[in-house]
Amino acid sequence: MPHLLFRGVAAEQLRTVTKQFVEELAVICECGTDNFTMACLHTTNVLDSTADEPAYALVEAGWFDRGPQVRTRFAQAVTRHLMLLGIHEVEIVFHAYREDSYYINGEPVEVTRK
């Protein structure tokens, strides 16, 4: 169920690597490929200049924490796939969900998963 939110990455770019990308992440997370969601946000960085600044790649990953080793492997895989697209700087931030605060169809996930 990792949810990935991409800023500074065009959906058209991401689509070219999505299949292999998700397959690798599923192996790292030990879950099915159908557990992932990916969304690209159009963003415009606004700074002191009059021209819009290009956005660098920022990926927010929301998931149930799997520990530092899995987190590092996950971050390295995300970075590698985005760099294959010609993106030269990738930042990733993880948001850990708590099972007692995550609901599916109105039911806590800890009950749903049993």
Protein backbone atom coordinates (compact mmCIF):
# COMPACT_ATOMS: atom_id res chain seq x y z
CA MET A 1 0.00 0.00 0.00
CA PRO A 2 2.81 2.45 -0.44
CA HIS A 3 1.46 5.68 -1.87
CA LEU A 4 3.95 7.70 -3.90
CA LEU A 5 3.34 11.34 -4.72
CA PHE A 6 5.72 12.87 -7.27
CA ARG A 7 6.48 16.57 -7.68
CA GLY A 8 8.75 17.75 -10.48
CA VAL A 9 8.23 14.53 -12.46
CA ALA A 10 5.96 14.52 -15.51
CA ALA A 11 3.39 11.73 -15.66
CA GLU A 12 4.43 11.03 -19.27
CA GLN A 13 8.00 10.44 -18.10
CA LEU A 14 7.00 8.25 -15.19
CA ARG A 15 4.73 6.06 -17.32
CA THR A 16 7.73 4.88 -19.33
CA VAL A 17 9.25 3.10 -16.31
CA THR A 18 6.22 2.39 -14.11
CA LYS A 19 5.92 -1.35 -14.75
CA GLN A 20 9.53 -2.23 -13.91
CA PHE A 21 9.58 0.42 -11.18
CA VAL A 22 6.59 -1.00 -9.30
CA GLU A 23 7.77 -4.58 -9.75
CA GLU A 24 11.10 -3.72 -8.09
CA LEU A 25 9.42 -1.81 -5.26
CA ALA A 26 7.02 -4.71 -4.65
CA VAL A 27 9.97 -7.08 -4.21
CA ILE A 28 11.63 -4.66 -1.79
CA CYS A 29 8.42 -4.20 0.22
CA GLU A 30 7.39 -7.87 -0.01
CA CYS A 31 3.92 -7.01 -1.28
CA GLY A 32 1.93 -7.17 -4.49
CA THR A 33 2.25 -4.63 -7.28
CA ASP A 34 -1.44 -3.83 -6.86
CA ASN A 35 -0.68 -2.34 -3.44
CA PHE A 36 0.99 0.75 -4.94
CA THR A 37 -0.46 4.06 -5.99
CA MET A 38 1.52 6.71 -7.83
CA ALA A 39 0.40 10.24 -8.58
CA CYS A 40 2.20 13.15 -10.24
CA LEU A 41 1.42 16.70 -9.19
CA HIS A 42 2.03 19.62 -11.48
CA THR A 43 3.99 22.12 -9.44
CA THR A 44 5.49 25.51 -10.13
CA ASN A 45 8.25 26.71 -7.87
CA VAL A 46 7.95 30.42 -7.16
CA LEU A 47 11.02 32.20 -5.89
CA ASP A 48 12.27 35.79 -5.96
CA SER A 49 12.72 35.85 -9.74
CA THR A 50 10.04 36.79 -12.22
CA ALA A 51 10.39 33.48 -14.10
CA ASP A 52 9.00 30.19 -12.85
CA GLU A 53 11.73 27.99 -11.47
CA PRO A 54 11.86 24.37 -12.62
CA ALA A 55 10.81 21.96 -9.91
CA TYR A 56 13.29 19.37 -8.65
CA ALA A 57 12.01 15.87 -8.08
CA LEU A 58 10.46 15.43 -4.66
CA VAL A 59 8.83 12.11 -3.86
CA GLU A 60 6.61 11.66 -0.82
CA ALA A 61 6.17 8.02 0.15
CA GLY A 62 3.37 7.20 2.56
CA TRP A 63 3.52 3.66 3.92
CA PHE A 64 3.60 1.39 6.94
CA ASP A 65 7.22 1.63 8.06
CA ARG A 66 9.33 -1.38 7.15
CA GLY A 67 12.55 -0.40 8.92
CA PRO A 68 15.69 1.48 7.89
CA GLN A 69 17.15 -1.19 5.59
CA VAL A 70 13.98 -1.48 3.49
CA ARG A 71 13.54 2.30 3.52
CA THR A 72 17.09 2.76 2.17
CA ARG A 73 16.63 0.13 -0.56
CA PHE A 74 13.29 1.72 -1.49
CA ALA A 75 14.83 5.21 -1.69
CA GLN A 76 17.73 3.92 -3.79
CA ALA A 77 15.34 2.20 -6.22
CA VAL A 78 13.19 5.34 -6.56
CA THR A 79 16.28 7.47 -7.15
CA ARG A 80 17.72 5.06 -9.72
CA HIS A 81 14.50 4.88 -11.74
CA LEU A 82 14.06 8.66 -11.78
CA MET A 83 17.69 9.24 -12.73
CA LEU A 84 17.18 6.87 -15.69
CA LEU A 85 14.63 9.46 -16.86
CA GLY A 86 17.33 12.15 -16.85
CA ILE A 87 16.35 13.64 -13.51
CA HIS A 88 19.57 14.65 -11.74
CA GLU A 89 18.36 15.48 -8.23
CA VAL A 90 15.86 13.37 -6.33
CA GLU A 91 14.66 13.98 -2.79
CA ILE A 92 12.46 11.49 -0.97
CA VAL A 93 10.55 11.89 2.26
CA PHE A 94 8.74 9.05 4.04
CA HIS A 95 5.53 9.41 6.00
CA ALA A 96 4.83 6.40 8.19
CA TYR A 97 1.18 5.45 8.61
CA ARG A 98 -0.11 3.83 11.79
CA GLU A 99 -2.41 0.87 11.34
CA ASP A 100 -4.85 2.22 13.94
CA SER A 101 -5.14 5.47 11.94
CA TYR A 102 -5.59 3.93 8.46
CA TYR A 103 -9.06 2.91 7.32
CA ILE A 104 -10.31 0.93 4.34
CA ASN A 105 -14.04 1.18 3.61
CA GLY A 106 -14.66 2.64 7.05
CA GLU A 107 -12.83 -0.09 8.94
CA PRO A 108 -9.38 0.14 10.57
CA VAL A 109 -6.81 -1.62 8.43
CA GLU A 110 -5.72 -3.78 11.36
CA VAL A 111 -9.20 -5.35 11.34
CA THR A 112 -9.43 -5.47 7.53
CA ARG A 113 -6.11 -7.30 7.12
CA LYS A 114 -7.11 -10.21 9.40
